[in-house]
Amino acid sequence: MSQTREPTRYGRIRRPDDAWLAKAPAEPILEPELPIIDTHHHLWERPDHRYLLHELLADLRTGHNVVATVFLECRAMYRASGPAEMRPLARPSSSRASRR
């Protein structure tokens, strides 16, 4: 990517550049029957972009045989109040929203 962008306060999290991604040629799926476990994904809703369950599902439906994924929290949707050690636990409303 030729553009230089400032990272967010959490590091290298940047909004996807859809125009740049659209320039890439489609890649063939080499082994569509091969079971894949996606070892790392996040769900988040930020002021400049979001990635929730329906975006993840769209990415998973591209022809690869993804049979499982592993969710990692990413400082998103923390509770705004309560004991500091409990704030990273997802709010029940965020969990329900991600299932829609």
Protein backbone atom coordinates (compact mmCIF):
# COMPACT_ATOMS: atom_id res chain seq x y z
CA MET A 1 0.00 0.00 0.00
CA SER A 2 1.49 3.30 -0.99
CA GLN A 3 -0.63 5.47 1.28
CA THR A 4 0.82 6.51 4.61
CA ARG A 5 -1.73 6.59 7.37
CA GLU A 6 -1.43 7.18 11.06
CA PRO A 7 -2.10 4.13 13.22
CA THR A 8 -4.88 4.27 15.76
CA ARG A 9 -4.15 4.53 19.44
CA TYR A 10 -4.24 0.71 19.59
CA GLY A 11 -1.45 0.22 17.08
CA ARG A 12 -1.70 -0.84 13.46
CA ILE A 13 -5.49 -1.00 13.27
CA ARG A 14 -6.54 0.85 10.14
CA ARG A 15 -9.75 1.14 8.20
CA PRO A 16 -9.67 -1.19 5.18
CA ASP A 17 -8.90 0.63 1.94
CA ASP A 18 -11.69 -0.70 -0.27
CA ALA A 19 -10.45 1.10 -3.39
CA TRP A 20 -7.00 -0.45 -3.02
CA LEU A 21 -8.44 -3.90 -2.29
CA ALA A 22 -10.66 -3.69 -5.39
CA LYS A 23 -7.56 -3.31 -7.59
CA ALA A 24 -6.24 -6.75 -6.61
CA PRO A 25 -6.99 -9.52 -9.11
CA ALA A 26 -9.13 -12.39 -7.84
CA GLU A 27 -7.00 -15.26 -6.58
CA PRO A 28 -8.00 -18.84 -7.29
CA ILE A 29 -8.93 -21.09 -4.38
CA LEU A 30 -6.30 -23.79 -4.69
CA GLU A 31 -7.82 -26.46 -2.44
CA PRO A 32 -11.51 -25.66 -1.87
CA GLU A 33 -12.08 -28.92 0.03
CA LEU A 34 -9.23 -28.31 2.52
CA PRO A 35 -10.71 -27.64 6.00
CA ILE A 36 -9.40 -24.36 7.43
CA ILE A 37 -9.53 -23.05 10.99
CA ASP A 38 -9.20 -19.26 10.98
CA THR A 39 -7.05 -18.85 14.06
CA HIS A 40 -7.75 -15.18 14.68
CA HIS A 41 -10.57 -12.72 14.08
CA HIS A 42 -11.99 -9.66 15.84
CA LEU A 43 -15.41 -8.06 15.96
CA TRP A 44 -15.57 -4.33 16.55
CA GLU A 45 -17.50 -1.16 15.98
CA ARG A 46 -15.36 1.96 15.87
CA PRO A 47 -16.12 5.53 14.79
CA ASP A 48 -14.32 5.09 11.44
CA HIS A 49 -15.21 1.48 10.60
CA ARG A 50 -16.75 -1.69 11.89
CA TYR A 51 -16.40 -5.43 11.47
CA LEU A 52 -19.29 -7.39 12.95
CA LEU A 53 -20.66 -10.87 12.45
CA HIS A 54 -22.29 -10.24 9.07
CA GLU A 55 -19.00 -8.84 7.68
CA LEU A 56 -17.14 -11.88 9.02
CA LEU A 57 -19.71 -14.24 7.50
CA ALA A 58 -19.40 -12.50 4.12
CA ASP A 59 -15.62 -12.98 4.26
CA LEU A 60 -16.05 -16.63 5.22
CA ARG A 61 -18.37 -17.28 2.25
CA THR A 62 -15.77 -16.66 -0.43
CA GLY A 63 -15.26 -20.32 -1.38
CA HIS A 64 -12.73 -21.53 1.17
CA ASN A 65 -13.76 -24.35 3.51
CA VAL A 66 -13.52 -22.48 6.83
CA VAL A 67 -14.85 -24.91 9.44
CA ALA A 68 -14.08 -22.88 12.59
CA THR A 69 -12.76 -19.53 13.77
CA VAL A 70 -11.22 -18.21 16.98
CA PHE A 71 -12.45 -14.86 18.29
CA LEU A 72 -9.94 -12.58 20.03
CA GLU A 73 -11.02 -9.51 21.95
CA CYS A 74 -9.51 -6.30 20.69
CA ARG A 75 -10.33 -3.47 23.09
CA ALA A 76 -13.71 -3.08 21.47
CA MET A 77 -17.15 -2.88 23.05
CA TYR A 78 -15.79 -2.78 26.61
CA ARG A 79 -18.21 -1.96 29.39
CA ALA A 80 -18.18 1.75 30.19
CA SER A 81 -18.55 1.24 33.93
CA GLY A 82 -18.03 -1.28 36.68
CA PRO A 83 -14.85 -2.79 38.12
CA ALA A 84 -11.86 -2.23 35.82
CA GLU A 85 -11.08 -5.95 35.68
CA MET A 86 -14.63 -6.68 34.41
CA ARG A 87 -14.80 -4.01 31.67
CA PRO A 88 -13.21 -6.19 28.95
CA LEU A 89 -16.10 -8.65 29.28
CA ALA A 90 -18.37 -8.04 26.33
CA ARG A 91 -21.61 -6.28 27.05
CA PRO A 92 -24.56 -8.62 26.53
CA SER A 93 -25.99 -6.12 24.03
CA SER A 94 -22.81 -6.31 21.89
CA SER A 95 -22.97 -10.08 21.82
CA ARG A 96 -26.60 -10.00 20.72
CA ALA A 97 -25.88 -7.32 18.11
CA SER A 98 -23.08 -9.38 16.59
CA ARG A 99 -25.48 -12.31 16.10
CA ARG A 100 -27.92 -10.30 13.98
